[in-house]
């Protein structure tokens, strides 16, 4: 027969049940999925390298060609780092290619080249920052939709670049700038532009994953209103992010000047599409709230390797674009499936 509980027993708090492991924490499954995605991208890259080595072994696997692939990836890669931050915050920047073009032609005018290496670098960075500032002010404080604001910047920057050059190529005559693109400037066989890309990638990774700036970026992209209630100045954060994107464009413009030895109004053509595509297949959510620098860099390497293989095999650029489009669609479908699984 069950004994009635005493008053002391009735007042005693119930013993807490043993808590089950918190498997619903977002960062745990997210981290696992990001690792799987990065490993998948590494697998795709390995397959592409195998295909390139099989079809054109002497040409594709040559040291000079591998250096070329990394160098070409470096320019768009720097732009993609900035784009990753913007998309993670829930924004978009369609003007990156036009900003690269404007910065490159403004930095290679005869008046600018009179100031030498420092003048070209300074001008490219300042023009990039200036365009990023305009984008940021229009979006953060002007209330404009990022798509519209950056689309307007795309048109304006392209038009201004065309006006500056009058449709002509502006050749660089500063030897210290041109010397960075020659083989004698390589450090342990690594082109200087690749080292710049590596440095930007490292800084971007630390900024996104190890600083309050990165956490605020993710918070704004995940839920801007919740971030505001938590004390984050959402408008200022968005301004900083577009400034960062503009800075990356300015650096990429200088790298392109070194690589091409000139400034043209056609520079950076379709960079915005390549940067967005690389970020998406790398695991950055187009809706915001999740971003990965490592995945974006791997995405850049995948696309650059595809371009190189197609060029070596004299395949039409139309087929190349179709292949890129198929990869983008597949990446987006995987993102949707992953999100449904998380729900």
Protein backbone atom coordinates (compact mmCIF):
# COMPACT_ATOMS: atom_id res chain seq x y z
CA UNK A 1 0.00 0.00 0.00
CA UNK A 2 1.43 3.37 -1.03
CA UNK A 3 2.26 5.65 1.88
CA UNK A 4 0.93 9.24 1.63
CA UNK A 5 3.54 11.86 1.06
CA UNK A 6 4.58 13.92 4.04
CA UNK A 7 4.25 17.74 3.94
CA UNK A 8 8.00 18.00 3.60
CA UNK A 9 7.94 15.66 0.64
CA UNK A 10 5.05 17.57 -0.91
CA UNK A 11 6.96 20.87 -0.73
CA UNK A 12 10.23 19.49 -2.06
CA UNK A 13 10.99 20.39 -5.66
CA UNK A 14 10.98 17.58 -8.15
CA UNK A 15 14.37 16.26 -9.14
CA UNK A 16 15.38 17.66 -12.49
CA UNK A 17 15.23 15.16 -15.27
CA UNK A 18 18.48 14.32 -16.95
CA UNK A 19 18.73 16.63 -19.87
CA UNK A 20 19.23 15.12 -23.28
CA UNK A 21 22.06 16.39 -25.46
CA UNK A 22 21.13 19.56 -27.26
CA UNK A 23 21.01 18.32 -30.82
CA UNK A 24 18.90 21.20 -32.01
CA UNK A 25 21.59 23.83 -31.57
CA UNK A 26 22.02 25.46 -34.92
CA UNK A 27 25.78 25.62 -34.85
CA UNK A 28 26.26 21.87 -34.47
CA UNK A 29 24.45 20.49 -37.51
CA UNK A 30 25.41 23.62 -39.43
CA UNK A 31 29.10 23.06 -38.77
CA UNK A 32 28.76 19.44 -39.87
CA UNK A 33 26.97 20.36 -43.06
CA UNK A 34 29.52 23.03 -43.90
CA UNK A 35 32.34 20.51 -43.44
CA UNK A 36 30.56 18.04 -45.71
CA UNK A 37 29.99 20.77 -48.31
CA UNK A 38 33.63 21.82 -48.24
CA UNK A 39 34.73 18.21 -48.57
CA UNK A 40 32.32 17.83 -51.49
CA UNK A 41 33.79 20.89 -53.18
CA UNK A 42 37.28 19.51 -52.63
CA UNK A 43 36.08 16.30 -54.26
CA UNK A 44 34.68 18.21 -57.23
CA UNK A 45 37.95 20.12 -57.53
CA UNK A 46 39.91 16.86 -57.43
CA UNK A 47 37.71 15.42 -60.19
CA UNK A 48 38.22 18.53 -62.32
CA UNK A 49 41.99 18.32 -61.84
CA UNK A 50 41.86 14.65 -62.85
CA UNK A 51 39.81 15.51 -65.94
CA UNK A 52 42.19 18.32 -66.88
CA UNK A 53 45.18 16.07 -66.34
CA UNK A 54 43.61 13.33 -68.44
CA UNK A 55 42.57 15.51 -71.38
CA UNK A 56 45.64 17.78 -71.52
CA UNK A 57 48.26 16.32 -69.16
CA UNK A 58 51.25 18.22 -70.51
CA UNK A 59 49.45 21.55 -70.61
CA UNK A 60 47.06 21.45 -67.64
CA UNK A 61 49.51 20.03 -65.11
CA UNK A 62 52.33 22.33 -66.18
CA UNK A 63 53.56 24.58 -63.40
CA UNK A 64 52.96 27.68 -65.48
CA UNK A 65 49.33 26.72 -66.09
CA UNK A 66 48.64 25.95 -62.43
CA UNK A 67 50.16 29.30 -61.52
CA UNK A 68 47.89 30.92 -64.11
CA UNK A 69 44.80 29.24 -62.62
CA UNK A 70 45.67 30.46 -59.13
CA UNK A 71 46.44 33.96 -60.40
CA UNK A 72 43.14 34.21 -62.28
CA UNK A 73 41.30 32.89 -59.24
CA UNK A 74 42.97 35.51 -57.05
CA UNK A 75 41.30 38.53 -58.64
CA UNK A 76 37.73 37.23 -58.57
CA UNK A 77 38.51 35.54 -55.26
CA UNK A 78 39.18 38.85 -53.50
CA UNK A 79 35.87 40.18 -54.84
CA UNK A 80 34.12 37.03 -53.65
CA UNK A 81 35.40 37.49 -50.09
CA UNK A 82 33.67 40.86 -49.91
CA UNK A 83 30.56 39.46 -51.60
CA UNK A 84 30.38 36.68 -49.02
CA UNK A 85 30.06 39.22 -46.22
CA UNK A 86 27.34 41.14 -48.04
CA UNK A 87 25.28 38.04 -48.84
CA UNK A 88 25.70 36.72 -45.30
CA UNK A 89 24.10 39.93 -44.05
CA UNK A 90 21.09 39.35 -46.30
CA UNK A 91 22.20 41.85 -48.96
CA UNK A 92 23.49 41.65 -52.52
CA UNK A 93 26.00 43.65 -54.54
CA UNK A 94 25.50 43.65 -58.31
CA UNK A 95 28.00 46.46 -58.83
CA UNK A 96 31.27 44.73 -57.95
CA UNK A 97 32.35 44.16 -61.56
CA UNK A 98 31.59 47.75 -62.54
CA UNK A 99 33.43 49.06 -59.47
CA UNK A 100 36.48 47.00 -60.44
CA UNK A 101 36.33 48.51 -63.94
CA UNK A 102 35.93 52.08 -62.67
CA UNK A 103 38.73 51.70 -60.12
CA UNK A 104 41.08 50.18 -62.70
CA UNK A 105 40.58 52.93 -65.30
CA UNK A 106 40.67 55.74 -62.75
CA UNK A 107 43.92 54.36 -61.35
CA UNK A 108 45.56 54.12 -64.79
CA UNK A 109 44.90 57.62 -66.12
CA UNK A 110 47.99 59.60 -67.08
CA UNK A 111 47.45 61.99 -64.17
CA UNK A 112 47.30 59.14 -61.67
CA UNK A 113 50.33 57.29 -63.07
CA UNK A 114 52.46 60.37 -62.44
CA UNK A 115 52.31 59.42 -58.74
CA UNK A 116 53.75 55.98 -59.46
CA UNK A 117 52.99 52.76 -57.65
CA UNK A 118 51.52 54.41 -54.56
CA UNK A 119 49.27 56.64 -56.64
CA UNK A 120 47.80 53.74 -58.62
CA UNK A 121 47.21 51.59 -55.54
CA UNK A 122 45.79 54.47 -53.50
CA UNK A 123 43.42 55.54 -56.28
CA UNK A 124 42.12 52.02 -56.89
CA UNK A 125 41.39 51.48 -53.19
CA UNK A 126 39.83 54.93 -52.67
CA UNK A 127 37.56 54.56 -55.72
CA UNK A 128 36.43 51.15 -54.46
CA UNK A 129 35.75 52.53 -50.99
CA UNK A 130 33.93 55.52 -52.45
CA UNK A 131 31.58 53.34 -54.47
CA UNK A 132 31.03 51.09 -51.48
CA UNK A 133 30.23 54.14 -49.36
CA UNK A 134 27.59 55.31 -51.84
CA UNK A 135 26.04 51.83 -51.92
CA UNK A 136 26.07 51.61 -48.15
CA UNK A 137 24.51 55.03 -47.61
CA UNK A 138 21.75 54.39 -50.14
CA UNK A 139 20.90 51.00 -48.65
CA UNK A 140 21.49 51.53 -44.93
CA UNK A 141 20.33 55.11 -44.52
CA UNK A 142 18.40 55.77 -47.73
CA UNK A 143 16.21 52.71 -47.33
CA UNK A 144 16.81 51.50 -50.88
CA UNK A 145 16.59 47.82 -51.74
CA UNK A 146 20.15 46.43 -52.23
CA UNK A 147 19.23 45.03 -55.65
CA UNK A 148 18.12 48.43 -56.94
CA UNK A 149 20.88 50.48 -55.32
CA UNK A 150 23.71 48.27 -56.56
CA UNK A 151 22.09 47.92 -59.99
CA UNK A 152 22.14 51.71 -60.26
CA UNK A 153 25.80 51.73 -59.20
CA UNK A 154 26.54 49.08 -61.83
CA UNK A 155 25.14 51.27 -64.60
CA UNK A 156 26.72 54.47 -63.29
CA UNK A 157 30.17 53.01 -62.69
CA UNK A 158 30.26 51.35 -66.12
CA UNK A 159 29.20 54.59 -67.77
CA UNK A 160 31.79 56.63 -65.90
CA UNK A 161 34.51 54.10 -66.74
CA UNK A 162 33.60 54.35 -70.40
CA UNK A 163 33.66 58.13 -70.25
CA UNK A 164 37.10 58.20 -68.60
CA UNK A 165 38.67 55.87 -71.17
CA UNK A 166 36.64 56.99 -74.18
CA UNK A 167 36.53 53.30 -75.04
CA UNK A 168 40.32 52.99 -75.21
CA UNK A 169 42.76 50.83 -73.29
CA UNK A 170 44.95 52.75 -70.83
CA UNK A 171 48.40 51.18 -70.74
CA UNK A 172 50.40 51.19 -67.52
CA UNK A 173 53.88 52.69 -67.78
CA UNK A 174 54.93 52.38 -64.13
CA UNK A 175 57.64 49.70 -64.01
CA UNK A 176 57.20 48.92 -60.31
CA UNK A 177 53.59 47.93 -60.99
CA UNK A 178 54.37 45.87 -64.08
CA UNK A 179 57.22 44.08 -62.30
CA UNK A 180 54.74 42.40 -59.93
CA UNK A 181 53.34 40.43 -62.83
CA UNK A 182 56.60 38.93 -64.10
CA UNK A 183 57.99 35.56 -63.06
CA UNK A 184 61.03 37.11 -61.37
CA UNK A 185 58.71 38.57 -58.74
CA UNK A 186 57.38 35.15 -57.70
CA UNK A 187 58.09 34.13 -54.11
CA UNK A 188 58.98 30.43 -53.85
CA UNK A 189 57.22 29.91 -57.17
CA UNK A 190 54.06 31.63 -55.93
CA UNK A 191 52.82 34.72 -57.83
CA UNK A 192 52.46 37.83 -55.63
CA UNK A 193 48.78 38.15 -56.51
CA UNK A 194 48.13 34.69 -55.06
CA UNK A 195 49.78 35.77 -51.82
CA UNK A 196 47.54 38.85 -51.72
CA UNK A 197 44.51 36.61 -52.25
CA UNK A 198 45.66 34.32 -49.44
CA UNK A 199 46.11 37.29 -47.10
CA UNK A 200 42.65 38.70 -47.92
CA UNK A 201 41.12 35.25 -47.43
CA UNK A 202 42.78 34.82 -44.04
CA UNK A 203 41.70 38.26 -42.85
CA UNK A 204 38.17 37.63 -44.14
CA UNK A 205 37.96 34.27 -42.36
CA UNK A 206 39.16 35.74 -39.08
CA UNK A 207 36.80 38.70 -39.43
CA UNK A 208 33.76 36.52 -40.08
CA UNK A 209 34.48 33.72 -37.63
CA UNK A 210 36.50 35.24 -34.80
CA UNK A 211 35.23 38.78 -34.27
CA UNK A 212 32.09 40.55 -33.09
CA UNK A 213 31.91 42.12 -36.55
CA UNK A 214 31.37 38.67 -38.04
CA UNK A 215 28.79 37.71 -35.43
CA UNK A 216 26.91 40.94 -36.06
CA UNK A 217 26.97 40.24 -39.79
CA UNK A 218 25.44 36.81 -39.30
CA UNK A 219 22.88 38.21 -36.84
CA UNK A 220 21.77 40.93 -39.25
CA UNK A 221 21.39 38.40 -42.05
CA UNK A 222 19.51 35.95 -39.85
CA UNK A 223 17.00 38.42 -38.44
CA UNK A 224 17.63 42.15 -38.75
CA UNK A 225 14.87 43.11 -36.31
CA UNK A 226 16.10 40.70 -33.65
CA UNK A 227 19.63 42.03 -34.18
CA UNK A 228 18.36 45.58 -33.67
CA UNK A 229 16.56 44.62 -30.47
CA UNK A 230 19.77 42.97 -29.28
CA UNK A 231 21.55 46.32 -29.53
CA UNK A 232 23.22 46.00 -32.93
CA UNK A 233 23.22 49.14 -35.07
CA UNK A 234 21.93 47.41 -38.19
CA UNK A 235 22.26 50.42 -40.46
CA UNK A 236 25.86 51.08 -39.48
CA UNK A 237 26.70 47.39 -39.87
CA UNK A 238 25.29 47.35 -43.39
CA UNK A 239 27.26 50.48 -44.25
CA UNK A 240 30.47 48.81 -43.06
CA UNK A 241 29.71 45.71 -45.11
CA UNK A 242 29.33 47.61 -48.38
CA UNK A 243 32.47 49.56 -47.56
CA UNK A 244 34.22 46.21 -47.13
CA UNK A 245 32.89 45.02 -50.47
CA UNK A 246 34.11 48.23 -52.12
CA UNK A 247 37.53 47.81 -50.51
CA UNK A 248 37.81 44.29 -51.92
CA UNK A 249 36.86 45.63 -55.35
CA UNK A 250 39.58 48.27 -55.13
CA UNK A 251 42.19 45.67 -54.22
CA UNK A 252 40.99 43.41 -57.03
CA UNK A 253 41.18 46.33 -59.47
CA UNK A 254 44.83 46.90 -58.60
CA UNK A 255 45.52 43.16 -58.99
CA UNK A 256 43.87 43.23 -62.40
CA UNK A 257 46.01 46.22 -63.39
CA UNK A 258 49.11 44.23 -62.46
CA UNK A 259 47.86 41.16 -64.32
CA UNK A 260 46.79 42.94 -67.52
CA UNK A 261 49.20 45.86 -67.45
CA UNK A 262 46.35 48.17 -68.36
CA UNK A 263 43.00 49.62 -67.37
CA UNK A 264 39.87 49.04 -69.47
CA UNK A 265 36.24 49.90 -69.06
CA UNK A 266 35.41 46.24 -69.79
CA UNK A 267 37.38 44.98 -66.80
CA UNK A 268 35.42 42.98 -64.25
CA UNK A 269 32.78 41.92 -66.75
CA UNK A 270 30.28 39.56 -65.06
CA UNK A 271 32.35 39.49 -61.87
CA UNK A 272 29.16 40.00 -59.90
CA UNK A 273 27.68 36.77 -61.25
CA UNK A 274 30.87 34.78 -60.70
CA UNK A 275 31.27 36.09 -57.14
CA UNK A 276 27.65 35.38 -56.21
CA UNK A 277 27.81 31.92 -57.78
CA UNK A 278 31.06 31.04 -55.99
CA UNK A 279 29.63 32.16 -52.64
CA UNK A 280 26.41 30.19 -53.14
CA UNK A 281 28.02 26.90 -54.13
CA UNK A 282 30.41 27.40 -51.22
CA UNK A 283 27.53 27.32 -48.75
CA UNK A 284 26.62 30.97 -48.19
CA UNK A 285 22.85 31.36 -48.00
CA UNK A 286 21.45 33.80 -50.52
CA UNK A 287 18.78 34.73 -47.96
CA UNK A 288 21.45 35.64 -45.40
CA UNK A 289 22.36 34.41 -41.94
CA UNK A 290 25.02 31.94 -43.00
CA UNK A 291 28.35 32.43 -44.72
CA UNK A 292 31.64 30.64 -45.20
CA UNK A 293 34.85 32.13 -46.55
CA UNK A 294 36.48 28.73 -47.08
CA UNK A 295 33.54 27.50 -49.12
CA UNK A 296 33.52 30.67 -51.23
CA UNK A 297 37.23 30.27 -52.01
CA UNK A 298 36.68 26.65 -53.02
CA UNK A 299 33.81 27.80 -55.23
CA UNK A 300 36.12 30.28 -56.94
CA UNK A 301 38.73 27.56 -57.54
CA UNK A 302 36.09 25.23 -59.00
CA UNK A 303 34.84 27.83 -61.48
CA UNK A 304 38.36 28.97 -62.43
CA UNK A 305 39.48 25.40 -63.03
CA UNK A 306 36.43 24.76 -65.23
CA UNK A 307 37.26 27.86 -67.26
CA UNK A 308 40.86 26.75 -67.69
CA UNK A 309 39.92 23.22 -68.79
CA UNK A 310 37.46 24.58 -71.34
CA UNK A 311 40.06 27.00 -72.68
CA UNK A 312 42.74 24.32 -73.03
CA UNK A 313 40.33 22.04 -74.90
CA UNK A 314 39.10 24.85 -77.17
CA UNK A 315 35.49 24.35 -76.09
CA UNK A 316 32.90 27.03 -76.71
CA UNK A 317 32.30 29.55 -73.96
CA UNK A 318 28.56 28.88 -74.29
CA UNK A 319 29.05 25.31 -73.05
CA UNK A 320 31.16 26.66 -70.20
CA UNK A 321 28.36 29.00 -69.12
CA UNK A 322 25.86 26.14 -69.27
CA UNK A 323 28.11 24.05 -67.02
CA UNK A 324 28.41 26.90 -64.53
CA UNK A 325 24.66 27.42 -64.56
CA UNK A 326 24.06 23.73 -63.86
CA UNK A 327 26.42 23.85 -60.89
CA UNK A 328 24.67 26.91 -59.47
CA UNK A 329 21.23 25.29 -59.80
CA UNK A 330 22.50 22.12 -58.12
CA UNK A 331 24.00 24.14 -55.25
CA UNK A 332 20.76 26.06 -54.66
CA UNK A 333 18.73 22.84 -54.67
CA UNK A 334 21.09 21.35 -52.10
CA UNK A 335 20.68 24.47 -49.96
CA UNK A 336 16.88 24.19 -50.04
CA UNK A 337 17.01 20.50 -49.17
CA UNK A 338 19.44 21.17 -46.32
CA UNK A 339 17.21 23.89 -44.88
CA UNK A 340 14.14 21.63 -45.03
CA UNK A 341 16.07 18.95 -43.21
CA UNK A 342 17.03 21.46 -40.52
CA UNK A 343 13.36 22.41 -40.05
